[in-house]
Amino acid sequence: MQIARTALAALVLTTTVATGCDVLSSDRIGSDGGVVVSEDGRMMLEIPEGALDQEVEISIEVMEGPDGSASDLYVVEPMGLTFARPVVLTYDYDEQTLDGHEAQELTMVAHREIFWAHLGDQLVDNDDQTVTASLMALSAVTLVIED
């Protein structure tokens, strides 16, 4: 897990240096884009340049996950905020998240009004122990195990 967190931190640093984006736990992000990381360091939101046309305060709040979830619940606010370009969420999983399951069974889901929706174009990276997905609007997100 330490290797995965180190790899995630290196990715954030590389992205920050390469794009000039700021890494924040909660702050204002504008048209230049930026990266927001949850306080527990496990969920990262990458907002590319041009995804927003004005500055918006974006934060990731960590809460206890709902029944049946494999991770905490990450409330990415302001909920419902839409983007001109897809943003990328990356979750750093560990053995506790897997709970004896295979990493490929992890699925990132977002809360959409009254139901949970699978996020498209997900990628599970076994080497970095991350799950990555893109989205067009902010919401509450968690991981589940899909048997």
C-alpha atoms as a PDB file:
ATOM      1  CA  MET A   1       0.000   0.000   0.000  1.00  0.00           C
ATOM      2  CA  GLN A   2       2.849   2.374   0.779  1.00  0.00           C
ATOM      3  CA  ILE A   3       4.191   1.805  -2.733  1.00  0.00           C
ATOM      4  CA  ALA A   4       0.769   2.635  -4.203  1.00  0.00           C
ATOM      5  CA  ARG A   5       0.501   5.817  -2.131  1.00  0.00           C
ATOM      6  CA  THR A   6       4.029   6.801  -3.123  1.00  0.00           C
ATOM      7  CA  ALA A   7       3.158   6.167  -6.776  1.00  0.00           C
ATOM      8  CA  LEU A   8      -0.035   8.221  -6.427  1.00  0.00           C
ATOM      9  CA  ALA A   9       1.900  11.047  -4.783  1.00  0.00           C
ATOM     10  CA  ALA A  10       4.488  10.897  -7.577  1.00  0.00           C
ATOM     11  CA  LEU A  11       1.703  10.993 -10.176  1.00  0.00           C
ATOM     12  CA  VAL A  12       0.144  14.030  -8.486  1.00  0.00           C
ATOM     13  CA  LEU A  13       3.519  15.753  -8.310  1.00  0.00           C
ATOM     14  CA  THR A  14       4.329  14.925 -11.951  1.00  0.00           C
ATOM     15  CA  THR A  15       0.906  16.129 -13.087  1.00  0.00           C
ATOM     16  CA  THR A  16       1.285  19.288 -11.041  1.00  0.00           C
ATOM     17  CA  VAL A  17       4.728  20.088 -12.420  1.00  0.00           C
ATOM     18  CA  ALA A  18       3.774  19.187 -16.002  1.00  0.00           C
ATOM     19  CA  THR A  19       0.532  21.172 -16.042  1.00  0.00           C
ATOM     20  CA  GLY A  20       1.313  23.898 -13.528  1.00  0.00           C
ATOM     21  CA  CYS A  21      -1.830  22.924 -11.578  1.00  0.00           C
ATOM     22  CA  ASP A  22      -2.134  23.341  -7.835  1.00  0.00           C
ATOM     23  CA  VAL A  23      -2.694  20.346  -5.523  1.00  0.00           C
ATOM     24  CA  LEU A  24      -5.339  21.211  -2.960  1.00  0.00           C
ATOM     25  CA  SER A  25      -7.620  19.566  -0.412  1.00  0.00           C
ATOM     26  CA  SER A  26     -10.200  22.300  -0.937  1.00  0.00           C
ATOM     27  CA  ASP A  27      -9.761  25.516  -2.822  1.00  0.00           C
ATOM     28  CA  ARG A  28     -10.785  27.512  -5.824  1.00  0.00           C
ATOM     29  CA  ILE A  29     -10.073  25.929  -9.200  1.00  0.00           C
ATOM     30  CA  GLY A  30     -10.443  27.924 -12.405  1.00  0.00           C
ATOM     31  CA  SER A  31      -9.906  27.576 -16.129  1.00  0.00           C
ATOM     32  CA  ASP A  32      -6.255  26.569 -15.633  1.00  0.00           C
ATOM     33  CA  GLY A  33      -7.431  23.353 -13.949  1.00  0.00           C
ATOM     34  CA  GLY A  34      -6.027  21.769 -10.830  1.00  0.00           C
ATOM     35  CA  VAL A  35      -5.912  18.733  -8.587  1.00  0.00           C
ATOM     36  CA  VAL A  36      -7.899  18.195  -5.384  1.00  0.00           C
ATOM     37  CA  VAL A  37      -6.928  15.371  -3.006  1.00  0.00           C
ATOM     38  CA  SER A  38      -9.113  14.086  -0.165  1.00  0.00           C
ATOM     39  CA  GLU A  39      -7.800  14.569   3.378  1.00  0.00           C
ATOM     40  CA  ASP A  40      -7.097  10.833   3.673  1.00  0.00           C
ATOM     41  CA  GLY A  41      -5.037  10.989   0.459  1.00  0.00           C
ATOM     42  CA  ARG A  42      -6.957   8.151  -1.205  1.00  0.00           C
ATOM     43  CA  MET A  43      -9.175  10.027  -3.688  1.00  0.00           C
ATOM     44  CA  MET A  44      -7.789  12.505  -6.204  1.00  0.00           C
ATOM     45  CA  LEU A  45      -9.761  14.679  -8.619  1.00  0.00           C
ATOM     46  CA  GLU A  46      -7.855  15.992 -11.650  1.00  0.00           C
ATOM     47  CA  ILE A  47      -9.508  18.889 -13.438  1.00  0.00           C
ATOM     48  CA  PRO A  48      -7.935  19.606 -16.834  1.00  0.00           C
ATOM     49  CA  GLU A  49      -7.363  23.049 -18.271  1.00  0.00           C
ATOM     50  CA  GLY A  50     -10.536  24.350 -19.901  1.00  0.00           C
ATOM     51  CA  ALA A  51     -12.944  22.144 -17.918  1.00  0.00           C
ATOM     52  CA  LEU A  52     -14.183  25.188 -15.975  1.00  0.00           C
ATOM     53  CA  ASP A  53     -14.833  28.681 -17.292  1.00  0.00           C
ATOM     54  CA  GLN A  54     -14.801  30.359 -13.881  1.00  0.00           C
ATOM     55  CA  GLU A  55     -13.279  29.790 -10.441  1.00  0.00           C
ATOM     56  CA  VAL A  56     -15.166  27.365  -8.221  1.00  0.00           C
ATOM     57  CA  GLU A  57     -14.364  26.099  -4.730  1.00  0.00           C
ATOM     58  CA  ILE A  58     -14.090  22.324  -4.951  1.00  0.00           C
ATOM     59  CA  SER A  59     -13.641  19.964  -2.019  1.00  0.00           C
ATOM     60  CA  ILE A  60     -13.683  16.252  -1.253  1.00  0.00           C
ATOM     61  CA  GLU A  61     -15.281  15.274   2.056  1.00  0.00           C
ATOM     62  CA  VAL A  62     -14.649  11.763   3.373  1.00  0.00           C
ATOM     63  CA  MET A  63     -17.547  10.034   5.119  1.00  0.00           C
ATOM     64  CA  GLU A  64     -18.348   6.474   6.180  1.00  0.00           C
ATOM     65  CA  GLY A  65     -19.286   4.425   3.118  1.00  0.00           C
ATOM     66  CA  PRO A  66     -22.835   3.194   2.607  1.00  0.00           C
ATOM     67  CA  ASP A  67     -23.792  -0.432   3.312  1.00  0.00           C
ATOM     68  CA  GLY A  68     -22.217  -2.725   0.758  1.00  0.00           C
ATOM     69  CA  SER A  69     -19.464  -0.317  -0.256  1.00  0.00           C
ATOM     70  CA  ALA A  70     -15.805  -1.316  -0.387  1.00  0.00           C
ATOM     71  CA  SER A  71     -14.536   2.170   0.500  1.00  0.00           C
ATOM     72  CA  ASP A  72     -15.464   5.325   2.305  1.00  0.00           C
ATOM     73  CA  LEU A  73     -17.880   7.718   0.624  1.00  0.00           C
ATOM     74  CA  TYR A  74     -16.211  10.683  -1.069  1.00  0.00           C
ATOM     75  CA  VAL A  75     -18.531  13.668  -1.413  1.00  0.00           C
ATOM     76  CA  VAL A  76     -17.080  15.863  -4.141  1.00  0.00           C
ATOM     77  CA  GLU A  77     -18.608  19.319  -3.912  1.00  0.00           C
ATOM     78  CA  PRO A  78     -20.267  21.370  -5.143  1.00  0.00           C
ATOM     79  CA  MET A  79     -22.457  18.426  -6.063  1.00  0.00           C
ATOM     80  CA  GLY A  80     -23.916  18.662  -9.557  1.00  0.00           C
ATOM     81  CA  LEU A  81     -21.226  21.009 -10.888  1.00  0.00           C
ATOM     82  CA  THR A  82     -20.733  20.152 -14.569  1.00  0.00           C
ATOM     83  CA  PHE A  83     -17.578  20.437 -16.656  1.00  0.00           C
ATOM     84  CA  ALA A  84     -16.866  21.335 -20.273  1.00  0.00           C
ATOM     85  CA  ARG A  85     -14.315  18.483 -20.405  1.00  0.00           C
ATOM     86  CA  PRO A  86     -14.229  15.212 -18.445  1.00  0.00           C
ATOM     87  CA  VAL A  87     -12.458  15.238 -15.088  1.00  0.00           C
ATOM     88  CA  VAL A  88     -10.657  12.208 -13.681  1.00  0.00           C
ATOM     89  CA  LEU A  89     -11.150  10.577 -10.277  1.00  0.00           C
ATOM     90  CA  THR A  90      -8.437   8.235  -8.994  1.00  0.00           C
ATOM     91  CA  TYR A  91      -8.854   6.060  -5.893  1.00  0.00           C
ATOM     92  CA  ASP A  92      -5.880   4.420  -4.155  1.00  0.00           C
ATOM     93  CA  TYR A  93      -7.070   0.993  -2.953  1.00  0.00           C
ATOM     94  CA  ASP A  94      -5.443  -1.520  -0.602  1.00  0.00           C
ATOM     95  CA  GLU A  95      -5.966  -5.094   0.579  1.00  0.00           C
ATOM     96  CA  GLN A  96      -8.626  -3.958   3.065  1.00  0.00           C
ATOM     97  CA  THR A  97     -10.592  -2.414   0.199  1.00  0.00           C
ATOM     98  CA  LEU A  98     -10.390  -5.699  -1.726  1.00  0.00           C
ATOM     99  CA  ASP A  99     -11.420  -7.794   1.294  1.00  0.00           C
ATOM    100  CA  GLY A 100     -10.233 -10.976  -0.418  1.00  0.00           C
ATOM    101  CA  HIS A 101     -11.627 -10.094  -3.862  1.00  0.00           C
ATOM    102  CA  GLU A 102      -9.721  -9.478  -7.071  1.00  0.00           C
ATOM    103  CA  ALA A 103      -8.891  -5.872  -7.969  1.00  0.00           C
ATOM    104  CA  GLN A 104     -10.729  -6.237 -11.297  1.00  0.00           C
ATOM    105  CA  GLU A 105     -13.957  -6.636  -9.298  1.00  0.00           C
ATOM    106  CA  LEU A 106     -13.703  -3.049  -7.977  1.00  0.00           C
ATOM    107  CA  THR A 107     -16.148  -0.615  -9.543  1.00  0.00           C
ATOM    108  CA  MET A 108     -16.435   3.125  -8.898  1.00  0.00           C
ATOM    109  CA  VAL A 109     -20.035   4.313  -8.569  1.00  0.00           C
ATOM    110  CA  ALA A 110     -21.508   7.798  -8.266  1.00  0.00           C
ATOM    111  CA  HIS A 111     -24.738   8.805  -6.565  1.00  0.00           C
ATOM    112  CA  ARG A 112     -27.251  10.099  -9.106  1.00  0.00           C
ATOM    113  CA  GLU A 113     -30.377  11.473  -7.388  1.00  0.00           C
ATOM    114  CA  ILE A 114     -31.973   8.227  -6.117  1.00  0.00           C
ATOM    115  CA  PHE A 115     -29.644   5.522  -7.485  1.00  0.00           C
ATOM    116  CA  TRP A 116     -25.968   4.618  -7.877  1.00  0.00           C
ATOM    117  CA  ALA A 117     -24.501   4.671 -11.388  1.00  0.00           C
ATOM    118  CA  HIS A 118     -21.328   2.944 -12.579  1.00  0.00           C
ATOM    119  CA  LEU A 119     -18.787   5.446 -13.860  1.00  0.00           C
ATOM    120  CA  GLY A 120     -17.715   4.777 -17.430  1.00  0.00           C
ATOM    121  CA  ASP A 121     -14.236   4.128 -18.792  1.00  0.00           C
ATOM    122  CA  GLN A 122     -12.895   2.759 -15.528  1.00  0.00           C
ATOM    123  CA  LEU A 123      -9.358   1.483 -15.322  1.00  0.00           C
ATOM    124  CA  VAL A 124      -8.053  -0.741 -12.514  1.00  0.00           C
ATOM    125  CA  ASP A 125      -4.267  -0.571 -12.294  1.00  0.00           C
ATOM    126  CA  ASN A 126      -2.949  -3.524 -10.278  1.00  0.00           C
ATOM    127  CA  ASP A 127       0.624  -2.201 -10.216  1.00  0.00           C
ATOM    128  CA  ASP A 128      -0.282   1.217  -8.772  1.00  0.00           C
ATOM    129  CA  GLN A 129      -3.319  -0.151  -6.870  1.00  0.00           C
ATOM    130  CA  THR A 130      -5.622   2.520  -8.260  1.00  0.00           C
ATOM    131  CA  VAL A 131      -9.073   2.715  -9.828  1.00  0.00           C
ATOM    132  CA  THR A 132      -9.554   5.602 -12.246  1.00  0.00           C
ATOM    133  CA  ALA A 133     -12.742   6.871 -13.913  1.00  0.00           C
ATOM    134  CA  SER A 134     -13.901  10.045 -15.596  1.00  0.00           C
ATOM    135  CA  LEU A 135     -17.036  12.048 -14.986  1.00  0.00           C
ATOM    136  CA  MET A 136     -18.734  15.186 -16.236  1.00  0.00           C
ATOM    137  CA  ALA A 137     -20.497  16.277 -13.011  1.00  0.00           C
ATOM    138  CA  LEU A 138     -19.519  16.187  -9.331  1.00  0.00           C
ATOM    139  CA  SER A 139     -21.294  13.833  -6.963  1.00  0.00           C
ATOM    140  CA  ALA A 140     -20.761  11.447  -4.064  1.00  0.00           C
ATOM    141  CA  VAL A 141     -18.555   8.512  -5.081  1.00  0.00           C
ATOM    142  CA  THR A 142     -17.631   5.150  -3.554  1.00  0.00           C
ATOM    143  CA  LEU A 143     -16.296   1.787  -4.651  1.00  0.00           C
ATOM    144  CA  VAL A 144     -18.203  -1.486  -4.675  1.00  0.00           C
ATOM    145  CA  ILE A 145     -17.231  -5.078  -5.413  1.00  0.00           C
ATOM    146  CA  GLU A 146     -18.893  -6.462  -8.536  1.00  0.00           C
ATOM    147  CA  ASP A 147     -18.863 -10.276  -8.396  1.00  0.00           C
END
